[in-house]
């Protein structure tokens, strides 16, 4: 049970690759292949620090959110949740 009733359940650092994989698959299944490919590229990249990875993911998620206003409601909500999770994991980014 999630102990904080007024706070959304955020993804933890160890959950992030799997959560991004699920989002990528949802995007692809709804025809957003370019966006799904970008997330895949980020996950396959080589990063010096986790902050770089989170920074790139954050930028990609915000870009998808800004450019694709036609996203299904559940995918848009997941993107917002992941963006908040990144800010929670590394607010100093």
Protein backbone atom coordinates (compact mmCIF):
# COMPACT_ATOMS: atom_id res chain seq x y z
CA UNK A 1 0.00 0.00 0.00
CA UNK A 2 1.27 3.47 -0.88
CA UNK A 3 1.62 5.33 2.45
CA UNK A 4 1.30 8.85 1.05
CA UNK A 5 -2.30 9.33 -0.02
CA UNK A 6 -1.86 12.85 -1.40
CA UNK A 7 1.31 12.11 -3.37
CA UNK A 8 1.48 10.23 -6.66
CA UNK A 9 3.38 6.98 -6.71
CA UNK A 10 6.70 7.85 -8.32
CA UNK A 11 9.08 5.46 -10.03
CA UNK A 12 12.25 4.65 -8.08
CA UNK A 13 15.72 4.70 -9.72
CA UNK A 14 15.90 0.90 -9.87
CA UNK A 15 12.50 0.77 -11.62
CA UNK A 16 13.30 3.31 -14.32
CA UNK A 17 14.59 1.11 -17.17
CA UNK A 18 11.58 -1.21 -16.96
CA UNK A 19 9.16 1.72 -16.66
CA UNK A 20 10.67 3.40 -19.72
CA UNK A 21 10.47 0.09 -21.61
CA UNK A 22 6.75 -0.13 -20.87
CA UNK A 23 6.19 3.47 -21.96
CA UNK A 24 8.22 2.86 -25.13
CA UNK A 25 6.10 -0.20 -25.95
CA UNK A 26 2.88 1.75 -25.36
CA UNK A 27 4.06 4.56 -27.63
CA UNK A 28 5.00 2.10 -30.36
CA UNK A 29 1.69 0.22 -30.11
CA UNK A 30 -0.19 3.51 -30.60
CA UNK A 31 1.87 4.45 -33.67
CA UNK A 32 4.31 6.89 -32.06
CA UNK A 33 7.36 5.08 -33.43
CA UNK A 34 9.75 8.05 -33.60
CA UNK A 35 9.12 8.83 -29.94
CA UNK A 36 9.51 5.17 -28.97
CA UNK A 37 12.77 4.96 -30.94
CA UNK A 38 14.14 8.04 -29.16
CA UNK A 39 13.48 6.49 -25.74
CA UNK A 40 15.15 3.27 -26.93
CA UNK A 41 18.22 5.23 -28.10
CA UNK A 42 18.50 6.89 -24.71
CA UNK A 43 18.27 3.60 -22.82
CA UNK A 44 20.89 2.00 -25.07
CA UNK A 45 23.25 4.96 -24.73
CA UNK A 46 26.42 5.01 -22.68
CA UNK A 47 26.23 7.57 -19.90
CA UNK A 48 29.00 8.79 -17.62
CA UNK A 49 26.59 9.44 -14.78
CA UNK A 50 23.00 8.61 -13.99
CA UNK A 51 22.30 12.35 -14.00
CA UNK A 52 23.10 12.40 -17.71
CA UNK A 53 20.67 9.56 -18.33
CA UNK A 54 17.92 11.17 -16.26
CA UNK A 55 18.56 14.53 -17.93
CA UNK A 56 18.24 13.03 -21.41
CA UNK A 57 15.10 11.13 -20.43
CA UNK A 58 13.57 14.27 -18.92
CA UNK A 59 14.25 16.29 -22.09
CA UNK A 60 12.84 13.52 -24.30
CA UNK A 61 9.71 13.15 -22.16
CA UNK A 62 9.09 16.91 -22.15
CA UNK A 63 9.61 17.07 -25.90
CA UNK A 64 7.13 14.23 -26.47
CA UNK A 65 4.66 15.99 -24.17
CA UNK A 66 5.09 19.32 -25.98
CA UNK A 67 5.08 18.02 -29.55
CA UNK A 68 2.52 15.24 -29.33
CA UNK A 69 -0.70 16.71 -28.01
CA UNK A 70 -2.55 13.76 -29.55
CA UNK A 71 -1.23 11.21 -27.04
CA UNK A 72 -3.78 8.93 -25.40
CA UNK A 73 -4.67 10.10 -21.91
CA UNK A 74 -2.98 7.17 -20.12
CA UNK A 75 0.31 7.69 -21.96
CA UNK A 76 0.26 11.44 -21.29
CA UNK A 77 -0.36 10.75 -17.59
CA UNK A 78 2.54 8.28 -17.50
CA UNK A 79 4.86 10.83 -19.10
CA UNK A 80 3.87 13.40 -16.46
CA UNK A 81 4.45 10.84 -13.69
CA UNK A 82 7.88 9.92 -15.04
CA UNK A 83 8.88 13.58 -15.34
CA UNK A 84 7.93 14.12 -11.70
CA UNK A 85 9.86 10.99 -10.76
CA UNK A 86 13.00 12.30 -12.46
CA UNK A 87 12.67 15.58 -10.58
CA UNK A 88 12.28 13.61 -7.35
CA UNK A 89 15.27 11.34 -8.06
CA UNK A 90 17.69 14.10 -9.06
CA UNK A 91 16.28 17.58 -8.46
CA UNK A 92 19.72 19.14 -8.91
CA UNK A 93 19.85 18.14 -12.59
